[in-house]
Amino acid sequence: MDILPLAHPHDHLARHFLSNVDLAADFLRNYVAREVMDKLDLDRLRCESPVKVDSELVERIGDLRFSTGFKEGGPGSEIFIFFEHQSSQDRFIPFRIFDYIAASYREIRRAAGAAAKSGEIFPYPLAVVLYHGQSPWSGPLKMHELIKKHPGLPGEILDFPVYLVDLAKIPAEKIRGAPPVRALLSALRAASDRELGKRLAAILRTAAEEREEFRRKNWVRALLRYFICLEKPPGGMKGMVGMLADIFGGKEAEEMTTSLAEELIRQGEARGEARGEAKGEARGEAKGEAKAILMVLGARFGFVPADIREAVESRSDPLALEPLTVHAATCKNIMEFRVGLRQGFVQK
């Protein structure tokens, strides 16, 4: 059975590591402005569920929200930190973060209801963008950069602090932090440089510096999964066993590689089944749509020629059949319907 690649492998890896509050706090201390981090109580950092805004953003799984407070704050001192991971440049990143913040605030407003008597009910928002594209980031990071300017009116509106961590500007030898954080950032950087295979052994050794055994294996497995989803391992699974044997020993390396392969195969089968179900539903909808079209034609004109019946029933996309349904109900005669069918009311 082939191993199907994960969708959004970069997001999977970033979320797998940074949803751990210890690693997230270490990342923040090392890569976000010290004058800001010194004000926050990162010992109280808590990972929240990813913010879901709409059908487009729900598919993004690398985005995380954390909450904490200020070191010298009392009630109302809560702060939200929004993590956004980017493997490519997106000039609308400020707007996406703005959507995340607004969605979080709507949740708070619904939960507070009439009990929200004070005007200061929303946590202070900070955004962190982890970017590992091939070239340095050059797009906007502030909302006011996306808004038309007008003379005499305030320019910096709808803004919130955004801190960019641009791995394209950080040399590999300058990557710092706890071993798992260094391994994560090194892997993302190496993938962008198309050198992940070349650097993988060193990255795995870095992750293996984690002292706690379960966590060490967890980080290594995540990095191996990431690599397998991006590249074909040289030497296949035997090559992976040899690489891990230097870290864990031969027997443990073989067990880890085998279990990882089985896990990826199961995930691939599950995704394949889901895709098959979706295709099956689409075919069913198309079949029903085609039947309705033929019934309309039969009711209006008394018969449906075999060539038209065959052409309509051969279509498998229900959305592409919708214009033809309207055409069947409005055409003057069967010949006009045939002309419309040939001229591309639907595509095969």
C-alpha atoms as a PDB file:
ATOM      1  CA  MET A   1       0.000   0.000   0.000  1.00  0.00           C
ATOM      2  CA  ASP A   2       1.396   3.423  -0.958  1.00  0.00           C
ATOM      3  CA  ILE A   3       1.834   6.081   1.709  1.00  0.00           C
ATOM      4  CA  LEU A   4      -0.230   9.107   0.712  1.00  0.00           C
ATOM      5  CA  PRO A   5       1.264  12.489   1.668  1.00  0.00           C
ATOM      6  CA  LEU A   6      -0.451  14.531   4.349  1.00  0.00           C
ATOM      7  CA  ALA A   7      -2.196  17.697   3.280  1.00  0.00           C
ATOM      8  CA  HIS A   8      -0.450  20.805   4.654  1.00  0.00           C
ATOM      9  CA  PRO A   9       2.606  18.955   6.070  1.00  0.00           C
ATOM     10  CA  HIS A  10       4.301  22.226   7.164  1.00  0.00           C
ATOM     11  CA  ASP A  11       1.215  23.195   9.171  1.00  0.00           C
ATOM     12  CA  HIS A  12       0.999  19.731  10.723  1.00  0.00           C
ATOM     13  CA  LEU A  13       4.594  19.936  11.921  1.00  0.00           C
ATOM     14  CA  ALA A  14       4.347  23.502  13.254  1.00  0.00           C
ATOM     15  CA  ARG A  15       1.147  22.740  15.127  1.00  0.00           C
ATOM     16  CA  HIS A  16       2.471  19.443  16.496  1.00  0.00           C
ATOM     17  CA  PHE A  17       5.423  21.197  18.136  1.00  0.00           C
ATOM     18  CA  LEU A  18       4.050  24.617  19.035  1.00  0.00           C
ATOM     19  CA  SER A  19       0.779  23.396  20.553  1.00  0.00           C
ATOM     20  CA  ASN A  20       3.017  22.277  23.399  1.00  0.00           C
ATOM     21  CA  VAL A  21       3.020  25.250  25.784  1.00  0.00           C
ATOM     22  CA  ASP A  22       6.596  24.654  26.954  1.00  0.00           C
ATOM     23  CA  LEU A  23       7.904  24.816  23.390  1.00  0.00           C
ATOM     24  CA  ALA A  24       5.636  27.751  22.508  1.00  0.00           C
ATOM     25  CA  ALA A  25       6.939  29.693  25.517  1.00  0.00           C
ATOM     26  CA  ASP A  26      10.525  28.860  24.569  1.00  0.00           C
ATOM     27  CA  PHE A  27       9.879  30.004  21.016  1.00  0.00           C
ATOM     28  CA  LEU A  28       8.354  33.292  22.200  1.00  0.00           C
ATOM     29  CA  ARG A  29      11.229  34.015  24.571  1.00  0.00           C
ATOM     30  CA  ASN A  30      13.795  33.456  21.824  1.00  0.00           C
ATOM     31  CA  TYR A  31      12.156  35.084  18.810  1.00  0.00           C
ATOM     32  CA  VAL A  32       9.707  37.806  19.879  1.00  0.00           C
ATOM     33  CA  ALA A  33      10.758  41.233  21.129  1.00  0.00           C
ATOM     34  CA  ARG A  34      12.192  40.862  24.627  1.00  0.00           C
ATOM     35  CA  GLU A  35      10.626  44.088  25.881  1.00  0.00           C
ATOM     36  CA  VAL A  36       7.227  42.542  25.139  1.00  0.00           C
ATOM     37  CA  MET A  37       7.885  39.028  26.419  1.00  0.00           C
ATOM     38  CA  ASP A  38       9.340  40.366  29.675  1.00  0.00           C
ATOM     39  CA  LYS A  39       5.890  41.776  30.472  1.00  0.00           C
ATOM     40  CA  LEU A  40       4.074  38.474  29.972  1.00  0.00           C
ATOM     41  CA  ASP A  41       3.637  35.629  32.438  1.00  0.00           C
ATOM     42  CA  LEU A  42       4.603  32.768  30.136  1.00  0.00           C
ATOM     43  CA  ASP A  43       4.369  30.316  33.036  1.00  0.00           C
ATOM     44  CA  ARG A  44       0.579  30.714  32.699  1.00  0.00           C
ATOM     45  CA  LEU A  45       0.568  30.239  28.929  1.00  0.00           C
ATOM     46  CA  ARG A  46      -2.362  28.098  27.797  1.00  0.00           C
ATOM     47  CA  CYS A  47      -3.050  26.704  24.318  1.00  0.00           C
ATOM     48  CA  GLU A  48      -6.581  27.318  23.096  1.00  0.00           C
ATOM     49  CA  SER A  49      -8.399  25.563  20.270  1.00  0.00           C
ATOM     50  CA  PRO A  50      -7.511  26.845  16.798  1.00  0.00           C
ATOM     51  CA  VAL A  51      -9.746  29.730  15.732  1.00  0.00           C
ATOM     52  CA  LYS A  52     -12.080  28.750  12.883  1.00  0.00           C
ATOM     53  CA  VAL A  53     -13.320  31.654  10.813  1.00  0.00           C
ATOM     54  CA  ASP A  54     -14.812  30.316   7.575  1.00  0.00           C
ATOM     55  CA  SER A  55     -14.683  27.362   5.204  1.00  0.00           C
ATOM     56  CA  GLU A  56     -11.438  28.606   3.653  1.00  0.00           C
ATOM     57  CA  LEU A  57      -9.586  29.084   6.931  1.00  0.00           C
ATOM     58  CA  VAL A  58     -10.913  25.946   8.619  1.00  0.00           C
ATOM     59  CA  GLU A  59      -8.596  23.947   6.361  1.00  0.00           C
ATOM     60  CA  ARG A  60      -5.575  25.707   7.848  1.00  0.00           C
ATOM     61  CA  ILE A  61      -4.448  23.778  10.894  1.00  0.00           C
ATOM     62  CA  GLY A  62      -1.172  25.522  11.660  1.00  0.00           C
ATOM     63  CA  ASP A  63      -2.830  28.519  13.305  1.00  0.00           C
ATOM     64  CA  LEU A  64      -2.965  28.488  17.105  1.00  0.00           C
ATOM     65  CA  ARG A  65      -4.245  30.788  19.801  1.00  0.00           C
ATOM     66  CA  PHE A  66      -2.664  31.054  23.225  1.00  0.00           C
ATOM     67  CA  SER A  67      -3.814  32.961  26.274  1.00  0.00           C
ATOM     68  CA  THR A  68      -1.867  34.274  29.254  1.00  0.00           C
ATOM     69  CA  GLY A  69      -1.627  37.389  31.416  1.00  0.00           C
ATOM     70  CA  PHE A  70       0.767  40.191  32.220  1.00  0.00           C
ATOM     71  CA  LYS A  71       3.185  39.637  35.088  1.00  0.00           C
ATOM     72  CA  GLU A  72       1.996  42.714  36.950  1.00  0.00           C
ATOM     73  CA  GLY A  73      -1.626  42.687  35.894  1.00  0.00           C
ATOM     74  CA  GLY A  74      -4.794  42.186  37.828  1.00  0.00           C
ATOM     75  CA  PRO A  75      -8.290  41.384  36.557  1.00  0.00           C
ATOM     76  CA  GLY A  76      -8.650  42.131  32.876  1.00  0.00           C
ATOM     77  CA  SER A  77      -4.958  41.578  32.200  1.00  0.00           C
ATOM     78  CA  GLU A  78      -5.509  38.578  29.908  1.00  0.00           C
ATOM     79  CA  ILE A  79      -3.747  38.528  26.562  1.00  0.00           C
ATOM     80  CA  PHE A  80      -4.284  36.483  23.389  1.00  0.00           C
ATOM     81  CA  ILE A  81      -1.327  35.424  21.224  1.00  0.00           C
ATOM     82  CA  PHE A  82      -2.222  34.329  17.702  1.00  0.00           C
ATOM     83  CA  PHE A  83       0.272  32.092  15.922  1.00  0.00           C
ATOM     84  CA  GLU A  84       0.173  32.168  12.144  1.00  0.00           C
ATOM     85  CA  HIS A  85       2.434  29.823  10.193  1.00  0.00           C
ATOM     86  CA  GLN A  86       3.367  30.670   6.593  1.00  0.00           C
ATOM     87  CA  SER A  87       5.424  28.642   4.127  1.00  0.00           C
ATOM     88  CA  SER A  88       4.767  31.225   1.388  1.00  0.00           C
ATOM     89  CA  GLN A  89       4.138  34.957   1.253  1.00  0.00           C
ATOM     90  CA  ASP A  90       0.568  36.202   1.544  1.00  0.00           C
ATOM     91  CA  ARG A  91      -0.095  39.929   1.306  1.00  0.00           C
ATOM     92  CA  PHE A  92      -3.439  39.479   3.070  1.00  0.00           C
ATOM     93  CA  ILE A  93      -1.923  38.028   6.229  1.00  0.00           C
ATOM     94  CA  PRO A  94      -2.928  41.116   8.310  1.00  0.00           C
ATOM     95  CA  PHE A  95      -6.544  40.643   7.233  1.00  0.00           C
ATOM     96  CA  ARG A  96      -6.476  36.924   8.090  1.00  0.00           C
ATOM     97  CA  ILE A  97      -5.144  37.676  11.564  1.00  0.00           C
ATOM     98  CA  PHE A  98      -7.769  40.401  11.910  1.00  0.00           C
ATOM     99  CA  ASP A  99     -10.392  37.730  11.135  1.00  0.00           C
ATOM    100  CA  TYR A 100      -8.952  35.454  13.830  1.00  0.00           C
ATOM    101  CA  ILE A 101      -9.052  38.226  16.401  1.00  0.00           C
ATOM    102  CA  ALA A 102     -12.621  39.206  15.495  1.00  0.00           C
ATOM    103  CA  ALA A 103     -13.749  35.560  15.707  1.00  0.00           C
ATOM    104  CA  SER A 104     -12.199  35.223  19.173  1.00  0.00           C
ATOM    105  CA  TYR A 105     -13.831  38.420  20.345  1.00  0.00           C
ATOM    106  CA  ARG A 106     -17.224  37.255  19.069  1.00  0.00           C
ATOM    107  CA  GLU A 107     -16.832  34.100  21.179  1.00  0.00           C
ATOM    108  CA  ILE A 108     -16.112  36.237  24.262  1.00  0.00           C
ATOM    109  CA  ARG A 109     -19.029  38.540  23.592  1.00  0.00           C
ATOM    110  CA  ARG A 110     -21.452  35.623  23.198  1.00  0.00           C
ATOM    111  CA  ALA A 111     -20.170  34.015  26.398  1.00  0.00           C
ATOM    112  CA  ALA A 112     -20.321  37.250  28.406  1.00  0.00           C
ATOM    113  CA  GLY A 113     -23.769  38.314  27.233  1.00  0.00           C
ATOM    114  CA  ALA A 114     -25.455  40.897  29.425  1.00  0.00           C
ATOM    115  CA  ALA A 115     -22.864  40.297  32.167  1.00  0.00           C
ATOM    116  CA  ALA A 116     -20.284  42.328  30.238  1.00  0.00           C
ATOM    117  CA  LYS A 117     -20.762  45.636  32.057  1.00  0.00           C
ATOM    118  CA  SER A 118     -17.243  46.948  31.613  1.00  0.00           C
ATOM    119  CA  GLY A 119     -16.047  48.322  28.281  1.00  0.00           C
ATOM    120  CA  GLU A 120     -12.743  46.428  28.609  1.00  0.00           C
ATOM    121  CA  ILE A 121     -13.838  42.828  28.117  1.00  0.00           C
ATOM    122  CA  PHE A 122     -11.532  41.742  25.274  1.00  0.00           C
ATOM    123  CA  PRO A 123      -7.978  40.406  25.825  1.00  0.00           C
ATOM    124  CA  TYR A 124      -5.065  42.339  24.379  1.00  0.00           C
ATOM    125  CA  PRO A 125      -4.135  40.776  20.986  1.00  0.00           C
ATOM    126  CA  LEU A 126      -0.620  39.924  19.816  1.00  0.00           C
ATOM    127  CA  ALA A 127       0.148  38.111  16.572  1.00  0.00           C
ATOM    128  CA  VAL A 128       3.248  36.089  15.721  1.00  0.00           C
ATOM    129  CA  VAL A 129       3.930  35.047  12.129  1.00  0.00           C
ATOM    130  CA  LEU A 130       6.363  32.158  11.678  1.00  0.00           C
ATOM    131  CA  TYR A 131       7.521  32.299   8.065  1.00  0.00           C
ATOM    132  CA  HIS A 132       9.931  29.935   6.320  1.00  0.00           C
ATOM    133  CA  GLY A 133       9.694  30.774   2.623  1.00  0.00           C
ATOM    134  CA  GLN A 134      12.667  30.708   0.262  1.00  0.00           C
ATOM    135  CA  SER A 135      12.996  34.494   0.086  1.00  0.00           C
ATOM    136  CA  PRO A 136      12.713  37.037   2.938  1.00  0.00           C
ATOM    137  CA  TRP A 137       9.229  38.336   3.746  1.00  0.00           C
ATOM    138  CA  SER A 138       8.352  41.453   1.768  1.00  0.00           C
ATOM    139  CA  GLY A 139       4.578  41.720   2.157  1.00  0.00           C
ATOM    140  CA  PRO A 140       2.419  43.802   4.523  1.00  0.00           C
ATOM    141  CA  LEU A 141       2.162  42.971   8.207  1.00  0.00           C
ATOM    142  CA  LYS A 142      -0.147  45.791   9.328  1.00  0.00           C
ATOM    143  CA  MET A 143      -3.809  46.335   8.505  1.00  0.00           C
ATOM    144  CA  HIS A 144      -3.230  49.991   7.609  1.00  0.00           C
ATOM    145  CA  GLU A 145      -0.978  48.830   4.761  1.00  0.00           C
ATOM    146  CA  LEU A 146      -4.046  47.283   3.097  1.00  0.00           C
ATOM    147  CA  ILE A 147      -6.350  50.278   3.573  1.00  0.00           C
ATOM    148  CA  LYS A 148      -6.608  53.241   1.199  1.00  0.00           C
ATOM    149  CA  LYS A 149      -5.134  56.399   2.638  1.00  0.00           C
ATOM    150  CA  HIS A 150      -7.024  59.721   2.640  1.00  0.00           C
ATOM    151  CA  PRO A 151      -5.412  63.106   3.395  1.00  0.00           C
ATOM    152  CA  GLY A 152      -6.389  64.492   6.764  1.00  0.00           C
ATOM    153  CA  LEU A 153      -7.683  61.184   8.134  1.00  0.00           C
ATOM    154  CA  PRO A 154      -5.862  58.877  10.576  1.00  0.00           C
ATOM    155  CA  GLY A 155      -3.772  56.340   8.696  1.00  0.00           C
ATOM    156  CA  GLU A 156      -2.884  53.639  11.208  1.00  0.00           C
ATOM    157  CA  ILE A 157      -6.283  52.067  11.832  1.00  0.00           C
ATOM    158  CA  LEU A 158      -7.407  48.536  12.769  1.00  0.00           C
ATOM    159  CA  ASP A 159      -3.849  47.758  13.816  1.00  0.00           C
ATOM    160  CA  PHE A 160      -2.512  45.290  16.380  1.00  0.00           C
ATOM    161  CA  PRO A 161       1.052  44.190  17.173  1.00  0.00           C
ATOM    162  CA  VAL A 162       2.472  41.665  14.690  1.00  0.00           C
ATOM    163  CA  TYR A 163       5.870  40.056  15.202  1.00  0.00           C
ATOM    164  CA  LEU A 164       7.471  38.356  12.219  1.00  0.00           C
ATOM    165  CA  VAL A 165       9.880  35.451  12.673  1.00  0.00           C
ATOM    166  CA  ASP A 166      11.460  35.191   9.229  1.00  0.00           C
ATOM    167  CA  LEU A 167      13.524  32.016   8.991  1.00  0.00           C
ATOM    168  CA  ALA A 168      14.765  33.130   5.574  1.00  0.00           C
ATOM    169  CA  LYS A 169      16.803  35.785   7.410  1.00  0.00           C
ATOM    170  CA  ILE A 170      18.114  33.506  10.152  1.00  0.00           C
ATOM    171  CA  PRO A 171      21.215  31.453   9.237  1.00  0.00           C
ATOM    172  CA  ALA A 172      20.896  27.775  10.135  1.00  0.00           C
ATOM    173  CA  GLU A 173      23.693  28.083  12.703  1.00  0.00           C
ATOM    174  CA  LYS A 174      21.880  30.982  14.414  1.00  0.00           C
ATOM    175  CA  ILE A 175      18.684  29.064  15.137  1.00  0.00           C
ATOM    176  CA  ARG A 176      18.288  28.904  18.922  1.00  0.00           C
ATOM    177  CA  GLY A 177      15.954  27.596  21.593  1.00  0.00           C
ATOM    178  CA  ALA A 178      15.226  24.295  23.309  1.00  0.00           C
ATOM    179  CA  PRO A 179      16.248  21.218  21.267  1.00  0.00           C
ATOM    180  CA  PRO A 180      12.724  20.492  19.917  1.00  0.00           C
ATOM    181  CA  VAL A 181      12.268  24.149  18.917  1.00  0.00           C
ATOM    182  CA  ARG A 182      15.621  24.163  17.123  1.00  0.00           C
ATOM    183  CA  ALA A 183      14.688  20.904  15.399  1.00  0.00           C
ATOM    184  CA  LEU A 184      11.318  22.292  14.267  1.00  0.00           C
ATOM    185  CA  LEU A 185      12.723  25.539  12.879  1.00  0.00           C
ATOM    186  CA  SER A 186      15.682  23.769  11.285  1.00  0.00           C
ATOM    187  CA  ALA A 187      13.334  21.312   9.555  1.00  0.00           C
ATOM    188  CA  LEU A 188      11.096  24.081   8.204  1.00  0.00           C
ATOM    189  CA  ARG A 189      14.133  26.043   7.033  1.00  0.00           C
ATOM    190  CA  ALA A 190      15.718  22.963   5.409  1.00  0.00           C
ATOM    191  CA  ALA A 191      12.460  22.110   3.626  1.00  0.00           C
ATOM    192  CA  SER A 192      12.306  25.610   2.145  1.00  0.00           C
ATOM    193  CA  ASP A 193      15.948  25.266   1.055  1.00  0.00           C
ATOM    194  CA  ARG A 194      15.114  21.840  -0.422  1.00  0.00           C
ATOM    195  CA  GLU A 195      17.824  20.316   1.758  1.00  0.00           C
ATOM    196  CA  LEU A 196      15.724  18.444   4.307  1.00  0.00           C
ATOM    197  CA  GLY A 197      17.113  15.062   3.295  1.00  0.00           C
ATOM    198  CA  LYS A 198      20.665  16.348   3.552  1.00  0.00           C
ATOM    199  CA  ARG A 199      20.134  17.860   7.016  1.00  0.00           C
ATOM    200  CA  LEU A 200      17.663  15.331   8.433  1.00  0.00           C
ATOM    201  CA  ALA A 201      20.147  13.265  10.464  1.00  0.00           C
ATOM    202  CA  ALA A 202      21.456  16.368  12.245  1.00  0.00           C
ATOM    203  CA  ILE A 203      17.902  17.617  12.859  1.00  0.00           C
ATOM    204  CA  LEU A 204      16.889  14.271  14.366  1.00  0.00           C
ATOM    205  CA  ARG A 205      19.933  14.312  16.639  1.00  0.00           C
ATOM    206  CA  THR A 206      18.915  17.787  17.809  1.00  0.00           C
ATOM    207  CA  ALA A 207      15.382  16.606  18.614  1.00  0.00           C
ATOM    208  CA  ALA A 208      16.833  13.591  20.436  1.00  0.00           C
ATOM    209  CA  GLU A 209      18.550  15.933  22.902  1.00  0.00           C
ATOM    210  CA  GLU A 210      15.169  16.098  24.662  1.00  0.00           C
ATOM    211  CA  ARG A 211      15.704  14.384  28.025  1.00  0.00           C
ATOM    212  CA  GLU A 212      12.260  12.857  28.548  1.00  0.00           C
ATOM    213  CA  GLU A 213      12.047   9.630  26.529  1.00  0.00           C
ATOM    214  CA  PHE A 214       8.402   9.784  25.478  1.00  0.00           C
ATOM    215  CA  ARG A 215       8.692  13.379  24.295  1.00  0.00           C
ATOM    216  CA  ARG A 216      11.975  12.624  22.510  1.00  0.00           C
ATOM    217  CA  LYS A 217      10.376   9.831  20.506  1.00  0.00           C
ATOM    218  CA  ASN A 218       7.340  12.000  19.842  1.00  0.00           C
ATOM    219  CA  TRP A 219       9.419  14.795  18.296  1.00  0.00           C
ATOM    220  CA  VAL A 220      11.500  12.379  16.238  1.00  0.00           C
ATOM    221  CA  ARG A 221       8.405  10.596  14.899  1.00  0.00           C
ATOM    222  CA  ALA A 222       6.831  13.920  13.909  1.00  0.00           C
ATOM    223  CA  LEU A 223       9.972  14.952  12.044  1.00  0.00           C
ATOM    224  CA  LEU A 224      10.192  11.595  10.275  1.00  0.00           C
ATOM    225  CA  ARG A 225       6.527  11.838   9.253  1.00  0.00           C
ATOM    226  CA  TYR A 226       7.184  15.317   7.905  1.00  0.00           C
ATOM    227  CA  PHE A 227      10.183  14.124   5.896  1.00  0.00           C
ATOM    228  CA  ILE A 228       8.371  11.094   4.459  1.00  0.00           C
ATOM    229  CA  CYS A 229       5.472  13.309   3.371  1.00  0.00           C
ATOM    230  CA  LEU A 230       7.814  15.677   1.533  1.00  0.00           C
ATOM    231  CA  GLU A 231      10.465  13.374   0.091  1.00  0.00           C
ATOM    232  CA  LYS A 232      11.054   9.731  -0.741  1.00  0.00           C
ATOM    233  CA  PRO A 233      13.482   8.416   1.894  1.00  0.00           C
ATOM    234  CA  PRO A 234      16.797   7.337   0.353  1.00  0.00           C
ATOM    235  CA  GLY A 235      17.117   3.619   0.817  1.00  0.00           C
ATOM    236  CA  GLY A 236      13.433   3.364   1.737  1.00  0.00           C
ATOM    237  CA  MET A 237      12.391   2.350   5.229  1.00  0.00           C
ATOM    238  CA  LYS A 238      15.646   0.421   5.726  1.00  0.00           C
ATOM    239  CA  GLY A 239      17.524   3.678   5.263  1.00  0.00           C
ATOM    240  CA  MET A 240      15.317   5.278   7.917  1.00  0.00           C
ATOM    241  CA  VAL A 241      16.043   2.424  10.307  1.00  0.00           C
ATOM    242  CA  GLY A 242      19.762   2.924   9.816  1.00  0.00           C
ATOM    243  CA  MET A 243      19.464   6.645  10.516  1.00  0.00           C
ATOM    244  CA  LEU A 244      17.486   6.066  13.718  1.00  0.00           C
ATOM    245  CA  ALA A 245      19.743   3.246  14.898  1.00  0.00           C
ATOM    246  CA  ASP A 246      22.456   5.795  15.670  1.00  0.00           C
ATOM    247  CA  ILE A 247      20.054   7.520  18.066  1.00  0.00           C
ATOM    248  CA  PHE A 248      17.917   4.780  19.628  1.00  0.00           C
ATOM    249  CA  GLY A 249      19.624   1.492  18.798  1.00  0.00           C
ATOM    250  CA  GLY A 250      18.747  -1.031  16.111  1.00  0.00           C
ATOM    251  CA  LYS A 251      15.726  -2.806  17.623  1.00  0.00           C
ATOM    252  CA  GLU A 252      14.018   0.391  18.788  1.00  0.00           C
ATOM    253  CA  ALA A 253      14.745   2.110  15.469  1.00  0.00           C
ATOM    254  CA  GLU A 254      13.111  -0.737  13.542  1.00  0.00           C
ATOM    255  CA  GLU A 255      10.033  -0.743  15.787  1.00  0.00           C
ATOM    256  CA  MET A 256       9.656   3.033  15.470  1.00  0.00           C
ATOM    257  CA  THR A 257      10.002   3.002  11.684  1.00  0.00           C
ATOM    258  CA  THR A 258       7.545   0.125  11.280  1.00  0.00           C
ATOM    259  CA  SER A 259       4.899   1.709  13.505  1.00  0.00           C
ATOM    260  CA  LEU A 260       5.287   5.041  11.712  1.00  0.00           C
ATOM    261  CA  ALA A 261       4.876   3.383   8.298  1.00  0.00           C
ATOM    262  CA  GLU A 262       1.746   1.575   9.489  1.00  0.00           C
ATOM    263  CA  GLU A 263       0.340   4.815  10.892  1.00  0.00           C
ATOM    264  CA  LEU A 264       0.885   6.675   7.613  1.00  0.00           C
ATOM    265  CA  ILE A 265      -0.665   3.854   5.619  1.00  0.00           C
ATOM    266  CA  ARG A 266      -3.756   3.860   7.874  1.00  0.00           C
ATOM    267  CA  GLN A 267      -4.060   7.633   7.488  1.00  0.00           C
ATOM    268  CA  GLY A 268      -3.664   7.318   3.727  1.00  0.00           C
ATOM    269  CA  GLU A 269      -6.374   4.660   3.571  1.00  0.00           C
ATOM    270  CA  ALA A 270      -8.698   6.818   5.661  1.00  0.00           C
ATOM    271  CA  ARG A 271      -8.148   9.802   3.385  1.00  0.00           C
ATOM    272  CA  GLY A 272      -8.642   7.605   0.348  1.00  0.00           C
ATOM    273  CA  GLU A 273     -11.941   6.343   1.745  1.00  0.00           C
ATOM    274  CA  ALA A 274     -13.062   9.901   2.498  1.00  0.00           C
ATOM    275  CA  ARG A 275     -12.214  10.977  -1.029  1.00  0.00           C
ATOM    276  CA  GLY A 276     -14.063   7.962  -2.405  1.00  0.00           C
ATOM    277  CA  GLU A 277     -17.141   8.810  -0.345  1.00  0.00           C
ATOM    278  CA  ALA A 278     -17.056  12.413  -1.586  1.00  0.00           C
ATOM    279  CA  LYS A 279     -16.738  11.269  -5.181  1.00  0.00           C
ATOM    280  CA  GLY A 280     -19.565   8.787  -4.643  1.00  0.00           C
ATOM    281  CA  GLU A 281     -21.825  11.520  -3.294  1.00  0.00           C
ATOM    282  CA  ALA A 282     -21.005  13.748  -6.275  1.00  0.00           C
ATOM    283  CA  ARG A 283     -21.765  10.934  -8.708  1.00  0.00           C
ATOM    284  CA  GLY A 284     -25.069  10.323  -6.943  1.00  0.00           C
ATOM    285  CA  GLU A 285     -26.003  14.010  -7.165  1.00  0.00           C
ATOM    286  CA  ALA A 286     -25.040  14.107 -10.838  1.00  0.00           C
ATOM    287  CA  LYS A 287     -27.136  11.029 -11.550  1.00  0.00           C
ATOM    288  CA  GLY A 288     -30.147  12.639  -9.893  1.00  0.00           C
ATOM    289  CA  GLU A 289     -29.586  15.903 -11.761  1.00  0.00           C
ATOM    290  CA  ALA A 290     -29.324  14.061 -15.092  1.00  0.00           C
ATOM    291  CA  LYS A 291     -32.528  12.150 -14.379  1.00  0.00           C
ATOM    292  CA  ALA A 292     -34.351  15.412 -13.650  1.00  0.00           C
ATOM    293  CA  ILE A 293     -33.110  16.949 -16.914  1.00  0.00           C
ATOM    294  CA  LEU A 294     -34.309  13.970 -18.945  1.00  0.00           C
ATOM    295  CA  MET A 295     -37.696  14.022 -17.185  1.00  0.00           C
ATOM    296  CA  VAL A 296     -38.134  17.731 -18.017  1.00  0.00           C
ATOM    297  CA  LEU A 297     -37.266  17.119 -21.665  1.00  0.00           C
ATOM    298  CA  GLY A 298     -39.586  14.113 -21.856  1.00  0.00           C
ATOM    299  CA  ALA A 299     -42.473  16.020 -20.283  1.00  0.00           C
ATOM    300  CA  ARG A 300     -42.022  19.012 -22.581  1.00  0.00           C
ATOM    301  CA  PHE A 301     -41.281  17.302 -25.908  1.00  0.00           C
ATOM    302  CA  GLY A 302     -42.598  13.755 -25.491  1.00  0.00           C
ATOM    303  CA  PHE A 303     -39.307  12.003 -26.231  1.00  0.00           C
ATOM    304  CA  VAL A 304     -35.545  12.234 -25.656  1.00  0.00           C
ATOM    305  CA  PRO A 305     -33.210  11.080 -28.464  1.00  0.00           C
ATOM    306  CA  ALA A 306     -30.661   8.430 -27.495  1.00  0.00           C
ATOM    307  CA  ASP A 307     -27.635  10.675 -28.211  1.00  0.00           C
ATOM    308  CA  ILE A 308     -28.929  13.378 -25.882  1.00  0.00           C
ATOM    309  CA  ARG A 309     -29.788  10.847 -23.156  1.00  0.00           C
ATOM    310  CA  GLU A 310     -26.300   9.357 -23.379  1.00  0.00           C
ATOM    311  CA  ALA A 311     -24.593  12.780 -23.335  1.00  0.00           C
ATOM    312  CA  VAL A 312     -26.550  13.947 -20.271  1.00  0.00           C
ATOM    313  CA  GLU A 313     -26.046  10.716 -18.316  1.00  0.00           C
ATOM    314  CA  SER A 314     -22.289  10.743 -19.012  1.00  0.00           C
ATOM    315  CA  ARG A 315     -21.796  13.943 -17.012  1.00  0.00           C
ATOM    316  CA  SER A 316     -20.438  13.366 -13.487  1.00  0.00           C
ATOM    317  CA  ASP A 317     -20.242  16.902 -12.057  1.00  0.00           C
ATOM    318  CA  PRO A 318     -23.551  18.030 -10.509  1.00  0.00           C
ATOM    319  CA  LEU A 319     -22.511  21.699 -10.509  1.00  0.00           C
ATOM    320  CA  ALA A 320     -21.720  21.574 -14.222  1.00  0.00           C
ATOM    321  CA  LEU A 321     -25.179  20.095 -14.883  1.00  0.00           C
ATOM    322  CA  GLU A 322     -27.067  22.984 -13.270  1.00  0.00           C
ATOM    323  CA  PRO A 323     -26.955  25.297 -16.348  1.00  0.00           C
ATOM    324  CA  LEU A 324     -28.234  22.409 -18.467  1.00  0.00           C
ATOM    325  CA  THR A 325     -31.215  21.981 -16.139  1.00  0.00           C
ATOM    326  CA  VAL A 326     -32.251  25.574 -16.804  1.00  0.00           C
ATOM    327  CA  HIS A 327     -31.662  25.083 -20.534  1.00  0.00           C
ATOM    328  CA  ALA A 328     -33.947  22.004 -20.527  1.00  0.00           C
ATOM    329  CA  ALA A 329     -36.749  24.044 -18.963  1.00  0.00           C
ATOM    330  CA  THR A 330     -36.408  27.077 -21.265  1.00  0.00           C
ATOM    331  CA  CYS A 331     -35.308  25.802 -24.716  1.00  0.00           C
ATOM    332  CA  LYS A 332     -37.858  26.091 -27.540  1.00  0.00           C
ATOM    333  CA  ASN A 333     -37.443  22.542 -28.850  1.00  0.00           C
ATOM    334  CA  ILE A 334     -35.219  19.471 -28.618  1.00  0.00           C
ATOM    335  CA  MET A 335     -32.953  20.731 -31.408  1.00  0.00           C
ATOM    336  CA  GLU A 336     -32.215  23.926 -29.487  1.00  0.00           C
ATOM    337  CA  PHE A 337     -31.370  21.820 -26.437  1.00  0.00           C
ATOM    338  CA  ARG A 338     -28.967  19.714 -28.513  1.00  0.00           C
ATOM    339  CA  VAL A 339     -27.249  22.870 -29.847  1.00  0.00           C
ATOM    340  CA  GLY A 340     -26.802  24.212 -26.306  1.00  0.00           C
ATOM    341  CA  LEU A 341     -25.418  20.870 -25.168  1.00  0.00           C
ATOM    342  CA  ARG A 342     -22.852  20.840 -27.965  1.00  0.00           C
ATOM    343  CA  GLN A 343     -21.860  24.471 -27.444  1.00  0.00           C
ATOM    344  CA  GLY A 344     -20.772  23.830 -23.895  1.00  0.00           C
ATOM    345  CA  PHE A 345     -23.536  24.416 -21.376  1.00  0.00           C
ATOM    346  CA  VAL A 346     -21.701  21.673 -19.527  1.00  0.00           C
ATOM    347  CA  GLN A 347     -18.220  20.260 -19.723  1.00  0.00           C
ATOM    348  CA  LYS A 348     -17.315  16.608 -19.652  1.00  0.00           C
END
